Amino acid sequence: MKSLSKFYKLSALALLALSLSLGAAQADGMKSDDARKLVVHVPQDDPKSWIQAINIANNLPKELGIDNVIIEIVAQGPGLKLLTDKSPEATRIKSLAMQDITFSACGNTMNAMAKKTGKMPVLLEGVQRVPAGIVRVMELQEEGYSYVRP
């Protein structure tokens, strides 16, 4: 009987340790498996749309919970300016990138801009380059992301 009681105590401790480690992982920024996913597409040179895109990325985690939403903003064409060092939203983008919001810049647009101006656009810290912005949007939609274009 003592060994059976000891077994139950050890099992309970093991379960407690497992649940605590999972809780700690969740607190460290792991998204829940059923997190909602959103891609915000920014193909236009329109500062009002840029502000709206940033506001969405800022407000949605507050509404749904930071662990319950995954957001990626994809900029291409004239909208790429949002993610460059000349962006009027640079401070907010850097802050959101540190909060696990993903920002993706279209490599095709960057190459076209470099060809036209003679220099590659400089992306903000925390912005990733993807080969093609529209392909990235399609990939995310295929992964179950909802689509928004402000």
Protein backbone atom coordinates (compact mmCIF):
# COMPACT_ATOMS: atom_id res chain seq x y z
CA MET A 1 0.00 0.00 0.00
CA LYS A 2 2.81 2.40 0.83
CA SER A 3 4.36 1.94 -2.63
CA LEU A 4 0.99 2.60 -4.31
CA SER A 5 0.51 5.78 -2.27
CA LYS A 6 4.06 6.85 -3.13
CA PHE A 7 3.32 6.18 -6.83
CA TYR A 8 0.23 8.43 -6.73
CA LYS A 9 2.16 11.19 -4.98
CA LEU A 10 4.96 11.02 -7.56
CA SER A 11 2.43 10.98 -10.41
CA ALA A 12 0.67 14.02 -8.97
CA LEU A 13 4.01 15.85 -8.63
CA ALA A 14 4.93 14.96 -12.21
CA LEU A 15 1.59 16.29 -13.50
CA LEU A 16 2.00 19.47 -11.47
CA ALA A 17 5.51 20.01 -12.85
CA LEU A 18 4.27 19.43 -16.41
CA SER A 19 1.40 21.87 -16.05
CA LEU A 20 3.68 24.50 -14.52
CA SER A 21 6.20 24.15 -17.35
CA LEU A 22 3.42 24.42 -19.96
CA GLY A 23 2.08 27.50 -18.20
CA ALA A 24 5.55 29.04 -18.16
CA ALA A 25 5.95 28.30 -21.88
CA GLN A 26 2.61 30.00 -22.55
CA ALA A 27 3.77 33.01 -20.53
CA ASP A 28 6.99 33.13 -22.55
CA GLY A 29 5.03 34.01 -25.68
CA MET A 30 3.99 30.65 -27.10
CA LYS A 31 0.78 31.14 -29.02
CA SER A 32 -2.12 28.83 -28.32
CA ASP A 33 -2.82 26.16 -30.94
CA ASP A 34 -6.19 27.72 -31.66
CA ALA A 35 -4.86 31.27 -32.04
CA ARG A 36 -6.62 33.39 -34.63
CA LYS A 37 -4.40 34.44 -37.51
CA LEU A 38 -4.56 37.67 -39.51
CA VAL A 39 -2.59 38.97 -42.49
CA VAL A 40 -2.82 42.72 -43.08
CA HIS A 41 -1.96 43.56 -46.70
CA VAL A 42 -0.49 47.03 -47.37
CA PRO A 43 0.07 47.58 -51.12
CA GLN A 44 -0.67 51.32 -51.21
CA ASP A 45 1.21 54.54 -50.49
CA ASP A 46 -1.46 55.93 -48.18
CA PRO A 47 -0.43 57.08 -44.70
CA LYS A 48 -4.06 56.81 -43.49
CA SER A 49 -4.10 53.13 -44.47
CA TRP A 50 -0.71 52.64 -42.82
CA ILE A 51 -2.01 54.06 -39.55
CA GLN A 52 -5.06 51.82 -39.79
CA ALA A 53 -2.87 48.74 -40.39
CA ILE A 54 -0.70 49.60 -37.38
CA ASN A 55 -3.77 50.28 -35.25
CA ILE A 56 -5.17 46.85 -36.15
CA ALA A 57 -1.89 45.19 -35.16
CA ASN A 58 -1.83 47.17 -31.92
CA ASN A 59 -5.48 46.73 -30.88
CA LEU A 60 -6.32 43.16 -31.89
CA PRO A 61 -4.03 41.50 -29.31
CA LYS A 62 -5.55 43.74 -26.64
CA GLU A 63 -9.03 42.60 -27.64
CA LEU A 64 -8.35 38.88 -28.12
CA GLY A 65 -5.35 38.38 -25.82
CA ILE A 66 -1.74 38.40 -26.94
CA ASP A 67 -1.50 34.60 -26.92
CA ASN A 68 -4.70 34.24 -28.94
CA VAL A 69 -3.73 36.06 -32.12
CA ILE A 70 -0.95 35.90 -34.71
CA ILE A 71 -0.57 38.94 -36.98
CA GLU A 72 1.61 39.55 -40.01
CA ILE A 73 1.66 42.81 -41.96
CA VAL A 74 2.85 42.38 -45.55
CA ALA A 75 3.85 45.49 -47.49
CA GLN A 76 4.51 45.58 -51.22
CA GLY A 77 4.57 48.06 -54.08
CA PRO A 78 4.11 51.66 -52.93
CA GLY A 79 3.11 50.35 -49.49
CA LEU A 80 6.70 49.21 -48.87
CA LYS A 81 7.52 52.73 -47.70
CA LEU A 82 5.67 51.86 -44.48
CA LEU A 83 8.46 49.45 -43.51
CA THR A 84 11.49 51.53 -44.48
CA ASP A 85 13.66 53.85 -42.44
CA LYS A 86 11.65 56.78 -43.89
CA SER A 87 8.35 55.55 -42.41
CA PRO A 88 6.36 57.97 -40.26
CA GLU A 89 5.26 54.89 -38.27
CA ALA A 90 8.81 53.66 -37.54
CA THR A 91 8.58 53.90 -33.75
CA ARG A 92 5.29 52.01 -33.59
CA ILE A 93 6.52 49.33 -36.01
CA LYS A 94 9.68 48.71 -33.98
CA SER A 95 7.59 48.45 -30.81
CA LEU A 96 5.08 46.02 -32.35
CA ALA A 97 7.87 43.90 -33.84
CA MET A 98 9.18 43.42 -30.31
CA GLN A 99 5.70 42.18 -29.34
CA ASP A 100 5.70 39.30 -31.86
CA ILE A 101 3.89 41.11 -34.68
CA THR A 102 5.57 40.04 -37.93
CA PHE A 103 6.35 42.60 -40.63
CA SER A 104 7.24 41.38 -44.12
CA ALA A 105 8.62 43.46 -46.97
CA CYS A 106 8.29 42.42 -50.60
CA GLY A 107 11.68 41.53 -52.08
CA ASN A 108 10.43 42.11 -55.64
CA THR A 109 9.45 45.68 -54.73
CA MET A 110 12.78 46.24 -53.01
CA ASN A 111 14.67 45.04 -56.10
CA ALA A 112 12.57 47.28 -58.36
CA MET A 113 13.21 50.29 -56.10
CA ALA A 114 16.96 49.55 -56.07
CA LYS A 115 17.00 49.30 -59.86
CA LYS A 116 15.17 52.63 -60.16
CA THR A 117 17.08 54.60 -57.49
CA GLY A 118 20.43 52.84 -57.51
CA LYS A 119 20.19 51.82 -53.85
CA MET A 120 18.34 49.19 -51.87
CA PRO A 121 15.66 50.52 -49.49
CA VAL A 122 16.64 50.26 -45.81
CA LEU A 123 14.14 48.25 -43.79
CA LEU A 124 13.28 49.03 -40.19
CA GLU A 125 14.69 46.85 -37.45
CA GLY A 126 12.44 43.82 -36.95
CA VAL A 127 11.19 43.73 -40.56
CA GLN A 128 11.85 40.59 -42.59
CA ARG A 129 12.28 40.43 -46.34
CA VAL A 130 10.21 37.88 -48.25
CA PRO A 131 10.78 37.02 -51.93
CA ALA A 132 7.35 38.25 -53.11
CA GLY A 133 4.76 40.07 -51.00
CA ILE A 134 1.70 38.75 -52.82
CA VAL A 135 3.02 35.19 -52.65
CA ARG A 136 3.48 35.66 -48.89
CA VAL A 137 -0.14 36.83 -48.58
CA MET A 138 -1.29 33.76 -50.52
CA GLU A 139 0.80 31.41 -48.36
CA LEU A 140 -0.63 32.88 -45.18
CA GLN A 141 -4.19 32.57 -46.48
CA GLU A 142 -3.49 28.93 -47.34
CA GLU A 143 -2.37 28.50 -43.70
CA GLY A 144 -5.75 29.79 -42.50
CA TYR A 145 -4.98 33.48 -42.00
CA SER A 146 -7.86 35.92 -42.40
CA TYR A 147 -7.17 38.73 -44.89
CA VAL A 148 -7.57 42.47 -44.25
CA ARG A 149 -6.60 45.36 -46.49
CA PRO A 150 -7.12 48.72 -44.80
